[in-house]
Amino acid sequence: MSSSADSYVRQIKDIDSALKRLNTQSAELRKKKKEATHRLYVWMEKNNVESYSTFNIKKIAPKQRAKKKPPKKRREDAITLFSSIGVNDPETLWEEFQKTQQLEQNNNADKEEV
């Protein structure tokens, strides 16, 4: 192996380790920001303050995550919709639709080789 290739490998490894270190630091900073934002929100709620400095209580309010619809309910709703728009065989359409949502391993392997 040539010395230039060795230096490239060393450089790539150094960059990878630096990125890993920076990602860790960024994650810690995001966590601290989230905690501080939550404490500010609690303080604003407690003191009945709508906005403070550049922060608005509506903007920093904790977000509620949307719950996912269970697969069984999703299927039922889709079949009902397909029936309501006049699809003759909504069950088959649902199955075909599900196939389009899955990643086909064979096709992707072919594309990567090209």
PDB file of N, CA and C in Angstrom:
ATOM      1  N   MET A   1       0.842  -1.177   0.000  1.00  0.00           N
ATOM      2  CA  MET A   1       0.000   0.000   0.000  1.00  0.00           C
ATOM      3  C   MET A   1       0.889   1.242   0.000  1.00  0.00           C
ATOM      4  N   SER A   2       0.474   2.258  -0.725  1.00  0.00           N
ATOM      5  CA  SER A   2       1.286   3.464  -0.818  1.00  0.00           C
ATOM      6  C   SER A   2       1.061   4.363   0.389  1.00  0.00           C
ATOM      7  N   SER A   3       2.016   5.243   0.597  1.00  0.00           N
ATOM      8  CA  SER A   3       1.918   6.138   1.748  1.00  0.00           C
ATOM      9  C   SER A   3       0.775   7.133   1.593  1.00  0.00           C
ATOM     10  N   SER A   4       0.455   7.523   0.356  1.00  0.00           N
ATOM     11  CA  SER A   4      -0.657   8.461   0.160  1.00  0.00           C
ATOM     12  C   SER A   4      -1.987   7.796   0.521  1.00  0.00           C
ATOM     13  N   ALA A   5      -2.131   6.512   0.193  1.00  0.00           N
ATOM     14  CA  ALA A   5      -3.358   5.799   0.559  1.00  0.00           C
ATOM     15  C   ALA A   5      -3.455   5.684   2.074  1.00  0.00           C
ATOM     16  N   ASP A   6      -2.334   5.428   2.741  1.00  0.00           N
ATOM     17  CA  ASP A   6      -2.330   5.367   4.206  1.00  0.00           C
ATOM     18  C   ASP A   6      -2.754   6.700   4.814  1.00  0.00           C
ATOM     19  N   SER A   7      -2.271   7.782   4.225  1.00  0.00           N
ATOM     20  CA  SER A   7      -2.635   9.103   4.761  1.00  0.00           C
ATOM     21  C   SER A   7      -4.116   9.396   4.531  1.00  0.00           C
ATOM     22  N   TYR A   8      -4.665   8.947   3.405  1.00  0.00           N
ATOM     23  CA  TYR A   8      -6.104   9.131   3.156  1.00  0.00           C
ATOM     24  C   TYR A   8      -6.920   8.359   4.186  1.00  0.00           C
ATOM     25  N   VAL A   9      -6.524   7.126   4.450  1.00  0.00           N
ATOM     26  CA  VAL A   9      -7.236   6.299   5.426  1.00  0.00           C
ATOM     27  C   VAL A   9      -7.173   6.952   6.800  1.00  0.00           C
ATOM     28  N   ARG A  10      -5.985   7.434   7.189  1.00  0.00           N
ATOM     29  CA  ARG A  10      -5.815   8.094   8.486  1.00  0.00           C
ATOM     30  C   ARG A  10      -6.694   9.345   8.565  1.00  0.00           C
ATOM     31  N   GLN A  11      -6.720  10.109   7.469  1.00  0.00           N
ATOM     32  CA  GLN A  11      -7.528  11.331   7.421  1.00  0.00           C
ATOM     33  C   GLN A  11      -9.019  11.003   7.556  1.00  0.00           C
ATOM     34  N   ILE A  12      -9.466   9.977   6.868  1.00  0.00           N
ATOM     35  CA  ILE A  12     -10.881   9.573   6.942  1.00  0.00           C
ATOM     36  C   ILE A  12     -11.228   9.143   8.358  1.00  0.00           C
ATOM     37  N   LYS A  13     -10.343   8.375   8.982  1.00  0.00           N
ATOM     38  CA  LYS A  13     -10.599   7.925  10.358  1.00  0.00           C
ATOM     39  C   LYS A  13     -10.628   9.105  11.328  1.00  0.00           C
ATOM     40  N   ASP A  14      -9.736  10.077  11.134  1.00  0.00           N
ATOM     41  CA  ASP A  14      -9.725  11.266  11.982  1.00  0.00           C
ATOM     42  C   ASP A  14     -11.025  12.060  11.826  1.00  0.00           C
ATOM     43  N   ILE A  15     -11.464  12.196  10.597  1.00  0.00           N
ATOM     44  CA  ILE A  15     -12.709  12.929  10.334  1.00  0.00           C
ATOM     45  C   ILE A  15     -13.889  12.187  10.955  1.00  0.00           C
ATOM     46  N   ASP A  16     -13.930  10.871  10.796  1.00  0.00           N
ATOM     47  CA  ASP A  16     -15.013  10.081  11.396  1.00  0.00           C
ATOM     48  C   ASP A  16     -15.053  10.250  12.906  1.00  0.00           C
ATOM     49  N   SER A  17     -13.895  10.207  13.548  1.00  0.00           N
ATOM     50  CA  SER A  17     -13.883  10.351  15.007  1.00  0.00           C
ATOM     51  C   SER A  17     -14.297  11.759  15.425  1.00  0.00           C
ATOM     52  N   ALA A  18     -13.888  12.777  14.652  1.00  0.00           N
ATOM     53  CA  ALA A  18     -14.297  14.152  14.950  1.00  0.00           C
ATOM     54  C   ALA A  18     -15.799  14.315  14.795  1.00  0.00           C
ATOM     55  N   LEU A  19     -16.366  13.729  13.731  1.00  0.00           N
ATOM     56  CA  LEU A  19     -17.820  13.807  13.525  1.00  0.00           C
ATOM     57  C   LEU A  19     -18.569  13.112  14.652  1.00  0.00           C
ATOM     58  N   LYS A  20     -18.069  11.978  15.079  1.00  0.00           N
ATOM     59  CA  LYS A  20     -18.709  11.246  16.169  1.00  0.00           C
ATOM     60  C   LYS A  20     -18.700  12.087  17.448  1.00  0.00           C
ATOM     61  N   ARG A  21     -17.568  12.724  17.715  1.00  0.00           N
ATOM     62  CA  ARG A  21     -17.442  13.572  18.899  1.00  0.00           C
ATOM     63  C   ARG A  21     -18.407  14.756  18.816  1.00  0.00           C
ATOM     64  N   LEU A  22     -18.482  15.385  17.639  1.00  0.00           N
ATOM     65  CA  LEU A  22     -19.380  16.526  17.460  1.00  0.00           C
ATOM     66  C   LEU A  22     -20.847  16.119  17.560  1.00  0.00           C
ATOM     67  N   ASN A  23     -21.187  14.942  17.033  1.00  0.00           N
ATOM     68  CA  ASN A  23     -22.570  14.465  17.140  1.00  0.00           C
ATOM     69  C   ASN A  23     -22.951  14.235  18.594  1.00  0.00           C
ATOM     70  N   THR A  24     -22.031  13.711  19.374  1.00  0.00           N
ATOM     71  CA  THR A  24     -22.294  13.501  20.802  1.00  0.00           C
ATOM     72  C   THR A  24     -22.515  14.835  21.504  1.00  0.00           C
ATOM     73  N   GLN A  25     -21.655  15.802  21.212  1.00  0.00           N
ATOM     74  CA  GLN A  25     -21.796  17.131  21.823  1.00  0.00           C
ATOM     75  C   GLN A  25     -23.105  17.786  21.400  1.00  0.00           C
ATOM     76  N   SER A  26     -23.466  17.655  20.135  1.00  0.00           N
ATOM     77  CA  SER A  26     -24.725  18.238  19.640  1.00  0.00           C
ATOM     78  C   SER A  26     -25.924  17.609  20.334  1.00  0.00           C
ATOM     79  N   ALA A  27     -25.892  16.306  20.526  1.00  0.00           N
ATOM     80  CA  ALA A  27     -26.997  15.620  21.201  1.00  0.00           C
ATOM     81  C   ALA A  27     -27.129  16.109  22.636  1.00  0.00           C
ATOM     82  N   GLU A  28     -26.008  16.286  23.314  1.00  0.00           N
ATOM     83  CA  GLU A  28     -26.049  16.795  24.693  1.00  0.00           C
ATOM     84  C   GLU A  28     -26.611  18.207  24.737  1.00  0.00           C
ATOM     85  N   LEU A  29     -26.199  19.049  23.791  1.00  0.00           N
ATOM     86  CA  LEU A  29     -26.707  20.421  23.741  1.00  0.00           C
ATOM     87  C   LEU A  29     -28.200  20.461  23.441  1.00  0.00           C
ATOM     88  N   ARG A  30     -28.672  19.600  22.525  1.00  0.00           N
ATOM     89  CA  ARG A  30     -30.116  19.546  22.241  1.00  0.00           C
ATOM     90  C   ARG A  30     -30.899  19.136  23.476  1.00  0.00           C
ATOM     91  N   LYS A  31     -30.355  18.192  24.233  1.00  0.00           N
ATOM     92  CA  LYS A  31     -31.019  17.733  25.451  1.00  0.00           C
ATOM     93  C   LYS A  31     -31.084  18.865  26.481  1.00  0.00           C
ATOM     94  N   LYS A  32     -29.979  19.598  26.657  1.00  0.00           N
ATOM     95  CA  LYS A  32     -29.960  20.723  27.605  1.00  0.00           C
ATOM     96  C   LYS A  32     -30.942  21.812  27.171  1.00  0.00           C
ATOM     97  N   LYS A  33     -31.008  22.075  25.862  1.00  0.00           N
ATOM     98  CA  LYS A  33     -31.930  23.092  25.349  1.00  0.00           C
ATOM     99  C   LYS A  33     -33.371  22.677  25.631  1.00  0.00           C
ATOM    100  N   LYS A  34     -33.674  21.404  25.414  1.00  0.00           N
ATOM    101  CA  LYS A  34     -35.025  20.910  25.647  1.00  0.00           C
ATOM    102  C   LYS A  34     -35.403  21.049  27.122  1.00  0.00           C
ATOM    103  N   GLU A  35     -34.472  20.712  28.012  1.00  0.00           N
ATOM    104  CA  GLU A  35     -34.736  20.836  29.453  1.00  0.00           C
ATOM    105  C   GLU A  35     -34.951  22.292  29.848  1.00  0.00           C
ATOM    106  N   ALA A  36     -34.094  23.194  29.348  1.00  0.00           N
ATOM    107  CA  ALA A  36     -34.223  24.616  29.664  1.00  0.00           C
ATOM    108  C   ALA A  36     -35.525  25.188  29.118  1.00  0.00           C
ATOM    109  N   THR A  37     -35.897  24.770  27.919  1.00  0.00           N
ATOM    110  CA  THR A  37     -37.144  25.227  27.313  1.00  0.00           C
ATOM    111  C   THR A  37     -38.333  24.760  28.147  1.00  0.00           C
ATOM    112  N   HIS A  38     -38.268  23.526  28.620  1.00  0.00           N
ATOM    113  CA  HIS A  38     -39.354  23.005  29.455  1.00  0.00           C
ATOM    114  C   HIS A  38     -39.447  23.793  30.769  1.00  0.00           C
ATOM    115  N   ARG A  39     -38.308  24.081  31.373  1.00  0.00           N
ATOM    116  CA  ARG A  39     -38.321  24.856  32.627  1.00  0.00           C
ATOM    117  C   ARG A  39     -38.886  26.248  32.385  1.00  0.00           C
ATOM    118  N   LEU A  40     -38.527  26.881  31.251  1.00  0.00           N
ATOM    119  CA  LEU A  40     -39.068  28.201  30.912  1.00  0.00           C
ATOM    120  C   LEU A  40     -40.573  28.111  30.714  1.00  0.00           C
ATOM    121  N   TYR A  41     -41.036  27.057  30.049  1.00  0.00           N
ATOM    122  CA  TYR A  41     -42.473  26.873  29.833  1.00  0.00           C
ATOM    123  C   TYR A  41     -43.206  26.750  31.166  1.00  0.00           C
ATOM    124  N   VAL A  42     -42.665  25.945  32.062  1.00  0.00           N
ATOM    125  CA  VAL A  42     -43.292  25.772  33.385  1.00  0.00           C
ATOM    126  C   VAL A  42     -43.331  27.104  34.127  1.00  0.00           C
ATOM    127  N   TRP A  43     -42.246  27.867  34.067  1.00  0.00           N
ATOM    128  CA  TRP A  43     -42.201  29.168  34.726  1.00  0.00           C
ATOM    129  C   TRP A  43     -43.232  30.114  34.117  1.00  0.00           C
ATOM    130  N   MET A  44     -43.331  30.128  32.789  1.00  0.00           N
ATOM    131  CA  MET A  44     -44.281  31.010  32.117  1.00  0.00           C
ATOM    132  C   MET A  44     -45.719  30.626  32.465  1.00  0.00           C
ATOM    133  N   GLU A  45     -46.010  29.326  32.546  1.00  0.00           N
ATOM    134  CA  GLU A  45     -47.342  28.858  32.948  1.00  0.00           C
ATOM    135  C   GLU A  45     -47.653  29.297  34.379  1.00  0.00           C
ATOM    136  N   LYS A  46     -46.692  29.086  35.254  1.00  0.00           N
ATOM    137  CA  LYS A  46     -46.872  29.399  36.676  1.00  0.00           C
ATOM    138  C   LYS A  46     -47.102  30.890  36.894  1.00  0.00           C
ATOM    139  N   ASN A  47     -46.384  31.727  36.162  1.00  0.00           N
ATOM    140  CA  ASN A  47     -46.480  33.175  36.328  1.00  0.00           C
ATOM    141  C   ASN A  47     -47.436  33.834  35.346  1.00  0.00           C
ATOM    142  N   ASN A  48     -48.137  33.016  34.578  1.00  0.00           N
ATOM    143  CA  ASN A  48     -49.141  33.520  33.645  1.00  0.00           C
ATOM    144  C   ASN A  48     -48.555  34.534  32.655  1.00  0.00           C
ATOM    145  N   VAL A  49     -47.418  34.185  32.067  1.00  0.00           N
ATOM    146  CA  VAL A  49     -46.737  35.052  31.115  1.00  0.00           C
ATOM    147  C   VAL A  49     -46.902  34.450  29.723  1.00  0.00           C
ATOM    148  N   GLU A  50     -47.383  35.242  28.773  1.00  0.00           N
ATOM    149  CA  GLU A  50     -47.594  34.751  27.408  1.00  0.00           C
ATOM    150  C   GLU A  50     -46.311  34.743  26.588  1.00  0.00           C
ATOM    151  N   SER A  51     -45.476  35.774  26.774  1.00  0.00           N
ATOM    152  CA  SER A  51     -44.207  35.802  26.048  1.00  0.00           C
ATOM    153  C   SER A  51     -43.158  36.465  26.925  1.00  0.00           C
ATOM    154  N   TYR A  52     -41.936  36.013  26.735  1.00  0.00           N
ATOM    155  CA  TYR A  52     -40.813  36.551  27.496  1.00  0.00           C
ATOM    156  C   TYR A  52     -39.619  36.596  26.556  1.00  0.00           C
ATOM    157  N   SER A  53     -39.013  37.756  26.467  1.00  0.00           N
ATOM    158  CA  SER A  53     -37.898  37.969  25.557  1.00  0.00           C
ATOM    159  C   SER A  53     -38.366  37.580  24.152  1.00  0.00           C
ATOM    160  N   THR A  54     -37.737  36.635  23.528  1.00  0.00           N
ATOM    161  CA  THR A  54     -38.150  36.237  22.181  1.00  0.00           C
ATOM    162  C   THR A  54     -38.952  34.947  22.185  1.00  0.00           C
ATOM    163  N   PHE A  55     -39.332  34.468  23.363  1.00  0.00           N
ATOM    164  CA  PHE A  55     -40.032  33.190  23.479  1.00  0.00           C
ATOM    165  C   PHE A  55     -41.505  33.398  23.750  1.00  0.00           C
ATOM    166  N   ASN A  56     -42.319  32.692  22.969  1.00  0.00           N
ATOM    167  CA  ASN A  56     -43.764  32.729  23.118  1.00  0.00           C
ATOM    168  C   ASN A  56     -44.191  31.385  23.705  1.00  0.00           C
ATOM    169  N   ILE A  57     -45.106  31.418  24.669  1.00  0.00           N
ATOM    170  CA  ILE A  57     -45.498  30.190  25.356  1.00  0.00           C
ATOM    171  C   ILE A  57     -46.112  29.171  24.406  1.00  0.00           C
ATOM    172  N   LYS A  58     -46.810  29.649  23.379  1.00  0.00           N
ATOM    173  CA  LYS A  58     -47.402  28.722  22.414  1.00  0.00           C
ATOM    174  C   LYS A  58     -46.325  27.995  21.611  1.00  0.00           C
ATOM    175  N   LYS A  59     -45.229  28.681  21.335  1.00  0.00           N
ATOM    176  CA  LYS A  59     -44.144  28.081  20.550  1.00  0.00           C
ATOM    177  C   LYS A  59     -43.353  27.052  21.338  1.00  0.00           C
ATOM    178  N   ILE A  60     -43.207  27.263  22.647  1.00  0.00           N
ATOM    179  CA  ILE A  60     -42.371  26.349  23.440  1.00  0.00           C
ATOM    180  C   ILE A  60     -43.187  25.313  24.200  1.00  0.00           C
ATOM    181  N   ALA A  61     -44.500  25.349  24.022  1.00  0.00           N
ATOM    182  CA  ALA A  61     -45.351  24.363  24.704  1.00  0.00           C
ATOM    183  C   ALA A  61     -44.992  22.959  24.240  1.00  0.00           C
ATOM    184  N   PRO A  62     -44.986  21.998  25.171  1.00  0.00           N
ATOM    185  CA  PRO A  62     -44.673  20.615  24.772  1.00  0.00           C
ATOM    186  C   PRO A  62     -45.661  20.113  23.723  1.00  0.00           C
ATOM    187  N   LYS A  63     -45.126  19.479  22.706  1.00  0.00           N
ATOM    188  CA  LYS A  63     -45.955  18.965  21.614  1.00  0.00           C
ATOM    189  C   LYS A  63     -46.440  17.565  21.953  1.00  0.00           C
ATOM    190  N   GLN A  64     -47.698  17.310  21.678  1.00  0.00           N
ATOM    191  CA  GLN A  64     -48.242  15.964  21.871  1.00  0.00           C
ATOM    192  C   GLN A  64     -48.029  15.193  20.586  1.00  0.00           C
ATOM    193  N   ARG A  65     -47.474  14.019  20.715  1.00  0.00           N
ATOM    194  CA  ARG A  65     -47.238  13.181  19.544  1.00  0.00           C
ATOM    195  C   ARG A  65     -48.561  12.589  19.067  1.00  0.00           C
ATOM    196  N   ALA A  66     -48.720  12.594  17.758  1.00  0.00           N
ATOM    197  CA  ALA A  66     -49.914  11.996  17.172  1.00  0.00           C
ATOM    198  C   ALA A  66     -49.807  10.479  17.290  1.00  0.00           C
ATOM    199  N   LYS A  67     -50.888   9.859  17.711  1.00  0.00           N
ATOM    200  CA  LYS A  67     -50.880   8.411  17.818  1.00  0.00           C
ATOM    201  C   LYS A  67     -51.105   7.800  16.446  1.00  0.00           C
ATOM    202  N   LYS A  68     -50.396   6.709  16.193  1.00  0.00           N
ATOM    203  CA  LYS A  68     -50.573   6.008  14.922  1.00  0.00           C
ATOM    204  C   LYS A  68     -51.820   5.148  14.974  1.00  0.00           C
ATOM    205  N   LYS A  69     -52.465   5.076  13.828  1.00  0.00           N
ATOM    206  CA  LYS A  69     -53.638   4.229  13.711  1.00  0.00           C
ATOM    207  C   LYS A  69     -53.160   2.782  13.605  1.00  0.00           C
ATOM    208  N   PRO A  70     -53.773   1.871  14.357  1.00  0.00           N
ATOM    209  CA  PRO A  70     -53.357   0.466  14.282  1.00  0.00           C
ATOM    210  C   PRO A  70     -53.558  -0.082  12.862  1.00  0.00           C
ATOM    211  N   PRO A  71     -52.687  -1.007  12.449  1.00  0.00           N
ATOM    212  CA  PRO A  71     -52.774  -1.545  11.077  1.00  0.00           C
ATOM    213  C   PRO A  71     -54.142  -2.131  10.730  1.00  0.00           C
ATOM    214  N   LYS A  72     -54.771  -2.790  11.687  1.00  0.00           N
ATOM    215  CA  LYS A  72     -56.084  -3.386  11.422  1.00  0.00           C
ATOM    216  C   LYS A  72     -57.115  -2.299  11.105  1.00  0.00           C
ATOM    217  N   LYS A  73     -57.087  -1.221  11.880  1.00  0.00           N
ATOM    218  CA  LYS A  73     -58.022  -0.120  11.667  1.00  0.00           C
ATOM    219  C   LYS A  73     -57.712   0.592  10.347  1.00  0.00           C
ATOM    220  N   ARG A  74     -56.428   0.732  10.024  1.00  0.00           N
ATOM    221  CA  ARG A  74     -56.019   1.346   8.767  1.00  0.00           C
ATOM    222  C   ARG A  74     -56.560   0.556   7.584  1.00  0.00           C
ATOM    223  N   ARG A  75     -56.452  -0.763   7.688  1.00  0.00           N
ATOM    224  CA  ARG A  75     -56.937  -1.653   6.626  1.00  0.00           C
ATOM    225  C   ARG A  75     -58.445  -1.518   6.455  1.00  0.00           C
ATOM    226  N   GLU A  76     -59.164  -1.532   7.583  1.00  0.00           N
ATOM    227  CA  GLU A  76     -60.628  -1.414   7.532  1.00  0.00           C
ATOM    228  C   GLU A  76     -61.045  -0.092   6.902  1.00  0.00           C
ATOM    229  N   ASP A  77     -60.389   0.997   7.310  1.00  0.00           N
ATOM    230  CA  ASP A  77     -60.730   2.308   6.766  1.00  0.00           C
ATOM    231  C   ASP A  77     -60.449   2.385   5.265  1.00  0.00           C
ATOM    232  N   ALA A  78     -59.337   1.807   4.840  1.00  0.00           N
ATOM    233  CA  ALA A  78     -58.982   1.827   3.422  1.00  0.00           C
ATOM    234  C   ALA A  78     -59.983   1.029   2.602  1.00  0.00           C
ATOM    235  N   ILE A  79     -60.369  -0.141   3.096  1.00  0.00           N
ATOM    236  CA  ILE A  79     -61.341  -0.973   2.368  1.00  0.00           C
ATOM    237  C   ILE A  79     -62.679  -0.260   2.292  1.00  0.00           C
ATOM    238  N   THR A  80     -63.075   0.402   3.368  1.00  0.00           N
ATOM    239  CA  THR A  80     -64.318   1.176   3.365  1.00  0.00           C
ATOM    240  C   THR A  80     -64.240   2.298   2.333  1.00  0.00           C
ATOM    241  N   LEU A  81     -63.111   2.980   2.286  1.00  0.00           N
ATOM    242  CA  LEU A  81     -62.928   4.052   1.309  1.00  0.00           C
ATOM    243  C   LEU A  81     -62.965   3.510  -0.109  1.00  0.00           C
ATOM    244  N   PHE A  82     -62.251   2.424  -0.362  1.00  0.00           N
ATOM    245  CA  PHE A  82     -62.236   1.846  -1.704  1.00  0.00           C
ATOM    246  C   PHE A  82     -63.650   1.439  -2.136  1.00  0.00           C
ATOM    247  N   SER A  83     -64.413   0.875  -1.197  1.00  0.00           N
ATOM    248  CA  SER A  83     -65.791   0.476  -1.521  1.00  0.00           C
ATOM    249  C   SER A  83     -66.655   1.685  -1.837  1.00  0.00           C
ATOM    250  N   SER A  84     -66.457   2.767  -1.063  1.00  0.00           N
ATOM    251  CA  SER A  84     -67.287   3.958  -1.242  1.00  0.00           C
ATOM    252  C   SER A  84     -67.011   4.660  -2.568  1.00  0.00           C
ATOM    253  N   ILE A  85     -65.812   4.503  -3.120  1.00  0.00           N
ATOM    254  CA  ILE A  85     -65.518   5.154  -4.398  1.00  0.00           C
ATOM    255  C   ILE A  85     -65.769   4.232  -5.586  1.00  0.00           C
ATOM    256  N   GLY A  86     -66.285   3.028  -5.296  1.00  0.00           N
ATOM    257  CA  GLY A  86     -66.729   2.157  -6.375  1.00  0.00           C
ATOM    258  C   GLY A  86     -65.731   1.121  -6.851  1.00  0.00           C
ATOM    259  N   VAL A  87     -64.750   0.796  -6.047  1.00  0.00           N
ATOM    260  CA  VAL A  87     -63.793  -0.243  -6.443  1.00  0.00           C
ATOM    261  C   VAL A  87     -64.485  -1.588  -6.296  1.00  0.00           C
ATOM    262  N   ASN A  88     -64.394  -2.416  -7.345  1.00  0.00           N
ATOM    263  CA  ASN A  88     -65.088  -3.711  -7.334  1.00  0.00           C
ATOM    264  C   ASN A  88     -64.527  -4.675  -6.302  1.00  0.00           C
ATOM    265  N   ASP A  89     -63.214  -4.742  -6.161  1.00  0.00           N
ATOM    266  CA  ASP A  89     -62.578  -5.688  -5.253  1.00  0.00           C
ATOM    267  C   ASP A  89     -61.627  -4.925  -4.307  1.00  0.00           C
ATOM    268  N   PRO A  90     -62.170  -4.307  -3.260  1.00  0.00           N
ATOM    269  CA  PRO A  90     -61.333  -3.482  -2.382  1.00  0.00           C
ATOM    270  C   PRO A  90     -60.262  -4.285  -1.634  1.00  0.00           C
ATOM    271  N   GLU A  91     -60.539  -5.554  -1.324  1.00  0.00           N
ATOM    272  CA  GLU A  91     -59.553  -6.393  -0.611  1.00  0.00           C
ATOM    273  C   GLU A  91     -58.295  -6.562  -1.457  1.00  0.00           C
ATOM    274  N   THR A  92     -58.471  -6.884  -2.742  1.00  0.00           N
ATOM    275  CA  THR A  92     -57.326  -7.083  -3.634  1.00  0.00           C
ATOM    276  C   THR A  92     -56.571  -5.771  -3.835  1.00  0.00           C
ATOM    277  N   LEU A  93     -57.303  -4.683  -3.981  1.00  0.00           N
ATOM    278  CA  LEU A  93     -56.665  -3.384  -4.134  1.00  0.00           C
ATOM    279  C   LEU A  93     -55.814  -3.073  -2.908  1.00  0.00           C
ATOM    280  N   TRP A  94     -56.322  -3.351  -1.716  1.00  0.00           N
ATOM    281  CA  TRP A  94     -55.566  -3.110  -0.486  1.00  0.00           C
ATOM    282  C   TRP A  94     -54.277  -3.936  -0.478  1.00  0.00           C
ATOM    283  N   GLU A  95     -54.368  -5.185  -0.843  1.00  0.00           N
ATOM    284  CA  GLU A  95     -53.184  -6.049  -0.863  1.00  0.00           C
ATOM    285  C   GLU A  95     -52.155  -5.540  -1.877  1.00  0.00           C
ATOM    286  N   GLU A  96     -52.614  -5.135  -3.045  1.00  0.00           N
ATOM    287  CA  GLU A  96     -51.708  -4.602  -4.059  1.00  0.00           C
ATOM    288  C   GLU A  96     -51.082  -3.284  -3.595  1.00  0.00           C
ATOM    289  N   PHE A  97     -51.896  -2.465  -2.950  1.00  0.00           N
ATOM    290  CA  PHE A  97     -51.382  -1.200  -2.424  1.00  0.00           C
ATOM    291  C   PHE A  97     -50.303  -1.456  -1.384  1.00  0.00           C
ATOM    292  N   GLN A  98     -50.506  -2.423  -0.507  1.00  0.00           N
ATOM    293  CA  GLN A  98     -49.521  -2.768   0.520  1.00  0.00           C
ATOM    294  C   GLN A  98     -48.213  -3.223  -0.128  1.00  0.00           C
ATOM    295  N   LYS A  99     -48.307  -3.943  -1.227  1.00  0.00           N
ATOM    296  CA  LYS A  99     -47.088  -4.388  -1.916  1.00  0.00           C
ATOM    297  C   LYS A  99     -46.280  -3.203  -2.442  1.00  0.00           C
ATOM    298  N   THR A 100     -46.981  -2.147  -2.872  1.00  0.00           N
ATOM    299  CA  THR A 100     -46.260  -0.974  -3.377  1.00  0.00           C
ATOM    300  C   THR A 100     -45.544  -0.229  -2.261  1.00  0.00           C
ATOM    301  N   GLN A 101     -45.968  -0.421  -1.019  1.00  0.00           N
ATOM    302  CA  GLN A 101     -45.369   0.281   0.113  1.00  0.00           C
ATOM    303  C   GLN A 101     -44.137  -0.426   0.664  1.00  0.00           C
ATOM    304  N   GLN A 102     -43.870  -1.635   0.214  1.00  0.00           N
ATOM    305  CA  GLN A 102     -42.740  -2.404   0.717  1.00  0.00           C
ATOM    306  C   GLN A 102     -41.562  -2.280  -0.226  1.00  0.00           C
ATOM    307  N   LEU A 103     -40.385  -2.251   0.343  1.00  0.00           N
ATOM    308  CA  LEU A 103     -39.170  -2.160  -0.424  1.00  0.00           C
ATOM    309  C   LEU A 103     -38.832  -3.516  -1.016  1.00  0.00           C
ATOM    310  N   GLU A 104     -38.609  -3.544  -2.302  1.00  0.00           N
ATOM    311  CA  GLU A 104     -38.269  -4.797  -2.963  1.00  0.00           C
ATOM    312  C   GLU A 104     -36.755  -4.944  -2.959  1.00  0.00           C
ATOM    313  N   GLN A 105     -36.249  -5.970  -2.307  1.00  0.00           N
ATOM    314  CA  GLN A 105     -34.821  -6.186  -2.160  1.00  0.00           C
ATOM    315  C   GLN A 105     -34.138  -6.503  -3.496  1.00  0.00           C
ATOM    316  N   ASN A 106     -34.752  -7.299  -4.327  1.00  0.00           N
ATOM    317  CA  ASN A 106     -34.126  -7.706  -5.590  1.00  0.00           C
ATOM    318  C   ASN A 106     -33.931  -6.530  -6.534  1.00  0.00           C
ATOM    319  N   ASN A 107     -34.918  -5.656  -6.647  1.00  0.00           N
ATOM    320  CA  ASN A 107     -34.810  -4.524  -7.546  1.00  0.00           C
ATOM    321  C   ASN A 107     -33.743  -3.547  -7.066  1.00  0.00           C
ATOM    322  N   ASN A 108     -33.641  -3.324  -5.764  1.00  0.00           N
ATOM    323  CA  ASN A 108     -32.639  -2.398  -5.253  1.00  0.00           C
ATOM    324  C   ASN A 108     -31.238  -2.929  -5.426  1.00  0.00           C
ATOM    325  N   ALA A 109     -31.043  -4.231  -5.299  1.00  0.00           N
ATOM    326  CA  ALA A 109     -29.717  -4.817  -5.495  1.00  0.00           C
ATOM    327  C   ALA A 109     -29.283  -4.634  -6.949  1.00  0.00           C
ATOM    328  N   ASP A 110     -30.215  -4.787  -7.876  1.00  0.00           N
ATOM    329  CA  ASP A 110     -29.900  -4.594  -9.289  1.00  0.00           C
ATOM    330  C   ASP A 110     -29.505  -3.138  -9.569  1.00  0.00           C
ATOM    331  N   LYS A 111     -30.208  -2.193  -8.963  1.00  0.00           N
ATOM    332  CA  LYS A 111     -29.930  -0.780  -9.197  1.00  0.00           C
ATOM    333  C   LYS A 111     -28.569  -0.386  -8.628  1.00  0.00           C
ATOM    334  N   GLU A 112     -28.173  -0.969  -7.495  1.00  0.00           N
ATOM    335  CA  GLU A 112     -26.895  -0.639  -6.889  1.00  0.00           C
ATOM    336  C   GLU A 112     -25.724  -1.129  -7.712  1.00  0.00           C
ATOM    337  N   GLU A 113     -25.901  -2.239  -8.416  1.00  0.00           N
ATOM    338  CA  GLU A 113     -24.824  -2.801  -9.213  1.00  0.00           C
ATOM    339  C   GLU A 113     -24.551  -1.977 -10.464  1.00  0.00           C
ATOM    340  N   VAL A 114     -25.574  -1.285 -10.960  1.00  0.00           N
ATOM    341  CA  VAL A 114     -25.456  -0.537 -12.223  1.00  0.00           C
ATOM    342  C   VAL A 114     -24.619   0.678 -12.053  1.00  0.00           C
TER     343      VAL A 114
END
